[in-house]
Amino acid sequence: MKKNILFRADSSSSIGTGHIMRDLVLASNFKKSNVIFATRDLKGHINNKIIEAGFTLEILKSNKLKEMTTLVRKYRVDMVVFDSYDINFKYEKALKLKTNVKILSFDDNYKKHYCDILLNHNLGAKKRKYKKLVPPDCELRCGSKYTLLRDEFVYEKNKQKSIYNKNGNKKNIFLALGGADHSNLNIKTLKILKNFKKINVNVVTTNSNKNLKALKKYVKNKSWINLFINSTNIAKIMNNSDFAIVTPSVTLNEVYFMKLPFIAVKTATNQDDLYKYLKTKKYPVLGKFSKKLLRKKVKLLLEKVMY
């Protein structure tokens, strides 16, 4: 008999798209199970991605425990996967006591959880930091060993790097500051990059970006900028770039796997742990957006990849 796996996550212009995207990768591993996604209908969501992947979609009216409990019982769920900052230890424990369902919780910032499996797939994630944060018998899956990657990344990494721009020796920059870019940094970054010669910029974003209209207007008629919206070829774009400017988030894990040089710009508090790890390891990072510092780091990185 097939097992039933229920994912609980959201996406929106404020939350971003990273939770759903990494959940879809994990869900693809449950090939012999029935997968259901429970998500809210928030502005700027990417729930269509769930349907396109062939999974069942349940729209929640709220984040109340009662509604979640009803779903677990309706589908006779074997395991719930929580990937939401709105779900805490108290919520998880209450669901466990009511249904005895197995729980897998995503965590990025060493928060307390009541789960059977905890997954922190960020670079540098440490098991020892969860000693008093999870039940004694909780299985800990921490570090790059558990990084969730779509098949396209493995495929592209094994390919020889191709030349994206065959007109001259221009360098290609991969720019991805969040699917929702809630800090509205794409245009600010492009205005810095326009002062550098012999570059092309591959800007990656989604329809969840509430600043998308302004971004489209800015890139119009600029031959040195390529705008990719809801692209299904992210790994290929990365592989055809010389370095990246990204946030210390899910995308950073992908950039690291592809061995692409990068600059990481922290834009949210949930990126603190990965930011601190990168800083400790002497990677080029910014604790917050700074025109002066970003310009300096881009100049240094361009000098390295030019030769």
Protein backbone atom coordinates (compact mmCIF):
# COMPACT_ATOMS: atom_id res chain seq x y z
CA MET A 1 0.00 0.00 0.00
CA LYS A 2 1.26 3.46 -0.94
CA LYS A 3 2.15 5.87 1.84
CA ASN A 4 0.58 9.32 2.00
CA ILE A 5 2.96 12.26 2.44
CA LEU A 6 1.58 15.72 3.21
CA PHE A 7 3.71 18.84 2.65
CA ARG A 8 2.79 22.04 4.50
CA ALA A 9 4.39 25.15 2.99
CA ASP A 10 3.50 28.54 1.50
CA SER A 11 4.78 30.89 -1.17
CA SER A 12 4.01 34.55 -1.82
CA SER A 13 5.53 37.89 -2.78
CA SER A 14 6.60 38.39 0.83
CA ILE A 15 7.49 34.81 1.82
CA GLY A 16 9.26 34.03 -1.44
CA THR A 17 9.28 30.84 -3.50
CA GLY A 18 12.17 28.89 -1.96
CA HIS A 19 10.10 26.74 0.43
CA ILE A 20 7.84 25.34 -2.28
CA MET A 21 10.70 24.85 -4.74
CA ARG A 22 12.82 22.79 -2.35
CA ASP A 23 9.75 20.85 -1.21
CA LEU A 24 9.06 19.88 -4.80
CA VAL A 25 12.57 18.44 -5.01
CA LEU A 26 12.06 16.42 -1.83
CA ALA A 27 8.59 15.33 -2.97
CA SER A 28 10.04 13.97 -6.23
CA ASN A 29 11.94 11.42 -4.13
CA PHE A 30 8.70 9.87 -2.87
CA LYS A 31 7.96 8.13 -6.17
CA LYS A 32 6.06 5.26 -4.53
CA SER A 33 3.90 7.51 -2.34
CA ASN A 34 0.88 9.74 -2.74
CA VAL A 35 2.02 13.34 -2.25
CA ILE A 36 -0.31 16.13 -1.15
CA PHE A 37 0.59 19.80 -0.70
CA ALA A 38 -1.35 21.95 1.76
CA THR A 39 -0.80 25.65 1.13
CA ARG A 40 -2.57 28.96 1.44
CA ASP A 41 -3.79 31.06 -1.48
CA LEU A 42 -1.48 34.03 -0.85
CA LYS A 43 -0.68 36.89 -3.23
CA GLY A 44 2.21 36.00 -5.52
CA HIS A 45 2.04 32.25 -4.82
CA ILE A 46 3.47 29.56 -7.13
CA ASN A 47 0.88 26.88 -6.39
CA ASN A 48 0.77 26.19 -10.12
CA LYS A 49 4.20 24.56 -9.77
CA ILE A 50 2.66 21.96 -7.47
CA ILE A 51 -0.06 21.11 -9.99
CA GLU A 52 2.44 21.04 -12.87
CA ALA A 53 4.54 18.53 -10.91
CA GLY A 54 1.51 16.24 -10.72
CA PHE A 55 0.86 16.48 -6.98
CA THR A 56 -2.48 16.93 -5.21
CA LEU A 57 -3.10 20.50 -4.00
CA GLU A 58 -5.21 21.41 -0.96
CA ILE A 59 -5.84 25.12 -0.33
CA LEU A 60 -5.98 26.04 3.35
CA LYS A 61 -8.20 28.83 4.61
CA SER A 62 -5.97 29.41 7.63
CA ASN A 63 -2.97 28.16 9.54
CA LYS A 64 -5.08 26.71 12.34
CA LEU A 65 -4.27 23.31 13.81
CA LYS A 66 -7.85 22.09 13.41
CA GLU A 67 -7.75 22.49 9.64
CA MET A 68 -4.41 20.67 9.43
CA THR A 69 -5.64 17.85 11.67
CA THR A 70 -8.65 17.37 9.42
CA LEU A 71 -6.41 17.01 6.37
CA VAL A 72 -4.13 14.49 8.08
CA ARG A 73 -7.14 12.34 8.91
CA LYS A 74 -8.81 12.83 5.53
CA TYR A 75 -5.82 11.46 3.61
CA ARG A 76 -4.71 9.04 6.35
CA VAL A 77 -1.33 10.73 6.21
CA ASP A 78 1.76 8.71 7.18
CA MET A 79 4.14 11.68 7.33
CA VAL A 80 3.79 15.46 7.40
CA VAL A 81 6.61 17.63 6.06
CA PHE A 82 6.60 21.09 7.62
CA ASP A 83 8.49 23.83 5.77
CA SER A 84 7.11 27.02 7.25
CA TYR A 85 8.31 29.60 9.76
CA ASP A 86 4.67 29.86 10.91
CA ILE A 87 4.79 26.32 12.29
CA ASN A 88 6.47 26.03 15.71
CA PHE A 89 7.28 23.42 18.37
CA LYS A 90 3.92 23.84 20.08
CA TYR A 91 2.00 23.34 16.81
CA GLU A 92 4.03 20.25 15.87
CA LYS A 93 3.59 18.65 19.30
CA ALA A 94 -0.16 19.29 19.28
CA LEU A 95 -0.52 17.65 15.85
CA LYS A 96 1.57 14.67 16.99
CA LEU A 97 -0.58 14.18 20.11
CA LYS A 98 -3.82 14.38 18.10
CA THR A 99 -2.84 12.16 15.16
CA ASN A 100 0.46 10.40 16.01
CA VAL A 101 1.60 11.24 12.47
CA LYS A 102 5.32 11.11 11.66
CA ILE A 103 6.80 14.62 11.27
CA LEU A 104 9.71 15.89 9.20
CA SER A 105 10.59 19.52 9.87
CA PHE A 106 12.74 21.82 7.79
CA ASP A 107 14.88 24.20 9.83
CA ASP A 108 17.38 26.89 8.83
CA ASN A 109 18.00 28.73 12.11
CA TYR A 110 18.28 26.23 14.96
CA LYS A 111 14.75 26.56 16.27
CA LYS A 112 13.06 24.15 18.67
CA HIS A 113 11.03 21.38 16.96
CA TYR A 114 8.88 18.42 17.97
CA CYS A 115 9.62 16.10 15.06
CA ASP A 116 10.86 12.64 14.09
CA ILE A 117 13.21 13.91 11.40
CA LEU A 118 14.85 17.33 11.19
CA LEU A 119 16.34 18.55 7.91
CA ASN A 120 18.77 21.47 7.68
CA HIS A 121 20.48 21.16 4.31
CA ASN A 122 22.41 24.43 4.47
CA LEU A 123 26.17 24.46 4.16
CA GLY A 124 27.80 24.21 7.56
CA ALA A 125 24.66 23.02 9.40
CA LYS A 126 25.72 21.25 12.63
CA LYS A 127 23.94 18.35 14.33
CA ARG A 128 25.36 19.26 17.75
CA LYS A 129 23.46 22.57 17.77
CA TYR A 130 20.16 20.65 17.91
CA LYS A 131 21.02 18.68 21.05
CA LYS A 132 18.42 20.40 23.25
CA LEU A 133 16.12 21.57 20.45
CA VAL A 134 14.57 18.28 19.30
CA PRO A 135 13.39 15.02 20.97
CA PRO A 136 16.23 12.59 21.87
CA ASP A 137 15.20 10.07 19.22
CA CYS A 138 14.91 12.65 16.41
CA GLU A 139 16.89 11.78 13.27
CA LEU A 140 19.10 14.73 12.27
CA ARG A 141 19.89 15.34 8.62
CA CYS A 142 22.30 18.26 8.51
CA GLY A 143 24.73 19.79 6.02
CA SER A 144 25.50 19.75 2.31
CA LYS A 145 25.17 15.95 2.24
CA TYR A 146 21.40 16.50 2.29
CA THR A 147 21.23 19.47 -0.11
CA LEU A 148 18.10 19.21 -2.22
CA LEU A 149 18.98 19.54 -5.89
CA ARG A 150 16.90 19.07 -8.99
CA ASP A 151 18.23 16.55 -11.52
CA GLU A 152 19.09 19.41 -13.90
CA PHE A 153 21.94 20.51 -11.61
CA VAL A 154 23.60 17.10 -11.60
CA TYR A 155 23.17 16.91 -15.38
CA GLU A 156 24.61 20.37 -16.02
CA LYS A 157 27.51 19.95 -13.60
CA ASN A 158 28.65 16.92 -15.58
CA LYS A 159 28.61 18.91 -18.81
CA GLN A 160 31.48 21.00 -20.08
CA LYS A 161 30.82 24.71 -19.57
CA SER A 162 29.58 26.26 -22.78
CA ILE A 163 29.93 29.85 -23.95
CA TYR A 164 26.76 31.84 -23.39
CA ASN A 165 27.88 34.94 -25.27
CA LYS A 166 29.94 34.18 -28.34
CA ASN A 167 30.41 37.84 -29.26
CA GLY A 168 33.76 38.71 -27.74
CA ASN A 169 35.12 37.81 -24.32
CA LYS A 170 32.36 39.19 -22.12
CA LYS A 171 31.85 37.70 -18.67
CA ASN A 172 28.44 36.45 -17.62
CA ILE A 173 27.00 37.24 -14.19
CA PHE A 174 24.19 35.18 -12.66
CA LEU A 175 21.94 37.50 -10.63
CA ALA A 176 19.27 35.97 -8.39
CA LEU A 177 18.18 37.95 -5.32
CA GLY A 178 15.15 35.85 -4.44
CA GLY A 179 12.18 34.73 -6.51
CA ALA A 180 10.13 37.47 -4.87
CA ASP A 181 13.01 39.96 -4.44
CA HIS A 182 11.12 41.46 -1.49
CA SER A 183 14.02 43.86 -0.83
CA ASN A 184 13.80 45.16 -4.42
CA LEU A 185 17.54 44.83 -5.07
CA ASN A 186 17.65 43.64 -8.67
CA ILE A 187 17.49 47.10 -10.23
CA LYS A 188 19.84 48.60 -7.62
CA THR A 189 22.38 45.87 -8.40
CA LEU A 190 22.00 46.28 -12.16
CA LYS A 191 22.69 50.01 -11.80
CA ILE A 192 25.99 49.10 -10.14
CA LEU A 193 26.87 46.50 -12.78
CA LYS A 194 26.20 48.85 -15.71
CA ASN A 195 29.45 50.65 -14.88
CA PHE A 196 31.52 47.55 -15.65
CA LYS A 197 32.61 46.79 -19.20
CA LYS A 198 32.50 43.49 -21.06
CA ILE A 199 29.76 41.84 -19.02
CA ASN A 200 26.37 40.24 -19.58
CA VAL A 201 23.96 39.78 -16.69
CA ASN A 202 21.52 36.87 -16.46
CA VAL A 203 18.74 38.03 -14.11
CA VAL A 204 16.59 35.23 -12.68
CA THR A 205 13.25 35.98 -11.02
CA THR A 206 9.61 34.83 -10.90
CA ASN A 207 6.10 36.19 -11.27
CA SER A 208 6.02 36.41 -7.46
CA ASN A 209 8.29 39.45 -7.71
CA LYS A 210 6.03 42.41 -6.91
CA ASN A 211 8.63 44.69 -8.54
CA LEU A 212 8.59 42.72 -11.79
CA LYS A 213 6.90 45.48 -13.83
CA ALA A 214 9.62 47.99 -12.91
CA LEU A 215 12.32 45.39 -13.57
CA LYS A 216 10.97 44.63 -17.04
CA LYS A 217 10.92 48.35 -17.80
CA TYR A 218 14.50 48.80 -16.62
CA VAL A 219 15.98 45.92 -18.65
CA LYS A 220 14.13 46.87 -21.84
CA ASN A 221 16.50 47.68 -24.72
CA LYS A 222 19.57 46.81 -22.62
CA SER A 223 21.36 44.17 -24.66
CA TRP A 224 23.73 43.32 -21.81
CA ILE A 225 20.87 42.06 -19.62
CA ASN A 226 18.99 38.78 -20.11
CA LEU A 227 15.83 38.50 -17.99
CA PHE A 228 14.58 35.01 -17.11
CA ILE A 229 11.13 34.74 -15.50
CA ASN A 230 9.98 31.38 -14.07
CA SER A 231 12.82 29.68 -15.90
CA THR A 232 13.05 25.89 -15.88
CA ASN A 233 16.71 26.03 -16.94
CA ILE A 234 18.33 27.58 -13.85
CA ALA A 235 21.18 25.05 -13.78
CA LYS A 236 22.00 25.74 -17.42
CA ILE A 237 22.01 29.50 -16.84
CA MET A 238 24.34 29.00 -13.86
CA ASN A 239 26.61 26.72 -15.85
CA ASN A 240 26.88 29.37 -18.55
CA SER A 241 27.82 32.09 -16.06
CA ASP A 242 31.22 33.06 -14.68
CA PHE A 243 30.08 34.10 -11.22
CA ALA A 244 26.91 34.76 -9.26
CA ILE A 245 25.35 37.42 -7.04
CA VAL A 246 22.77 35.71 -4.84
CA THR A 247 21.23 35.65 -1.37
CA PRO A 248 22.51 33.12 1.23
CA SER A 249 19.49 30.89 0.69
CA VAL A 250 18.44 27.80 -1.29
CA THR A 251 19.98 29.28 -4.44
CA LEU A 252 23.34 29.59 -2.69
CA ASN A 253 23.33 25.83 -2.07
CA GLU A 254 22.82 25.30 -5.80
CA VAL A 255 25.56 27.80 -6.73
CA TYR A 256 27.96 26.08 -4.33
CA PHE A 257 27.17 22.67 -5.83
CA MET A 258 27.88 24.03 -9.31
CA LYS A 259 31.23 25.39 -8.04
CA LEU A 260 30.33 28.84 -9.32
CA PRO A 261 32.19 31.77 -7.67
CA PHE A 262 29.71 34.03 -5.89
CA ILE A 263 28.93 37.10 -3.82
CA ALA A 264 26.17 36.58 -1.24
CA VAL A 265 23.98 39.48 -0.06
CA LYS A 266 21.88 38.86 3.07
CA THR A 267 18.36 40.23 2.71
CA ALA A 268 16.45 38.51 5.54
CA THR A 269 16.99 37.31 9.11
CA ASN A 270 16.33 33.67 8.17
CA GLN A 271 19.60 33.82 6.19
CA ASP A 272 21.67 34.64 9.30
CA ASP A 273 23.11 31.18 9.91
CA LEU A 274 24.29 30.59 6.35
CA TYR A 275 25.61 34.15 6.16
CA LYS A 276 27.68 33.65 9.33
CA TYR A 277 29.05 30.35 8.03
CA LEU A 278 30.10 31.93 4.72
CA LYS A 279 31.71 34.86 6.50
CA THR A 280 33.66 32.51 8.78
CA LYS A 281 34.91 30.65 5.70
CA LYS A 282 36.05 33.98 4.14
CA TYR A 283 33.57 33.93 1.26
CA PRO A 284 32.61 37.35 -0.18
CA VAL A 285 29.41 38.25 1.68
CA LEU A 286 27.47 41.37 2.59
CA GLY A 287 25.48 41.56 5.82
CA LYS A 288 23.21 44.05 4.07
CA PHE A 289 23.02 45.69 0.67
CA SER A 290 25.69 48.37 0.13
CA LYS A 291 26.41 49.97 -3.22
CA LYS A 292 29.99 50.74 -2.26
CA LEU A 293 30.83 47.29 -0.89
CA LEU A 294 29.06 45.40 -3.68
CA ARG A 295 30.86 47.46 -6.34
CA LYS A 296 34.18 46.65 -4.66
CA LYS A 297 33.47 42.91 -4.42
CA VAL A 298 32.25 42.72 -8.02
CA LYS A 299 35.44 44.44 -9.20
CA LEU A 300 37.61 41.94 -7.29
CA LEU A 301 35.70 38.93 -8.55
CA LEU A 302 35.72 40.18 -12.15
CA GLU A 303 39.49 40.56 -11.97
CA LYS A 304 39.77 36.93 -10.87
CA VAL A 305 37.52 35.43 -13.56
CA MET A 306 38.99 37.55 -16.36
CA TYR A 307 42.17 35.51 -16.24
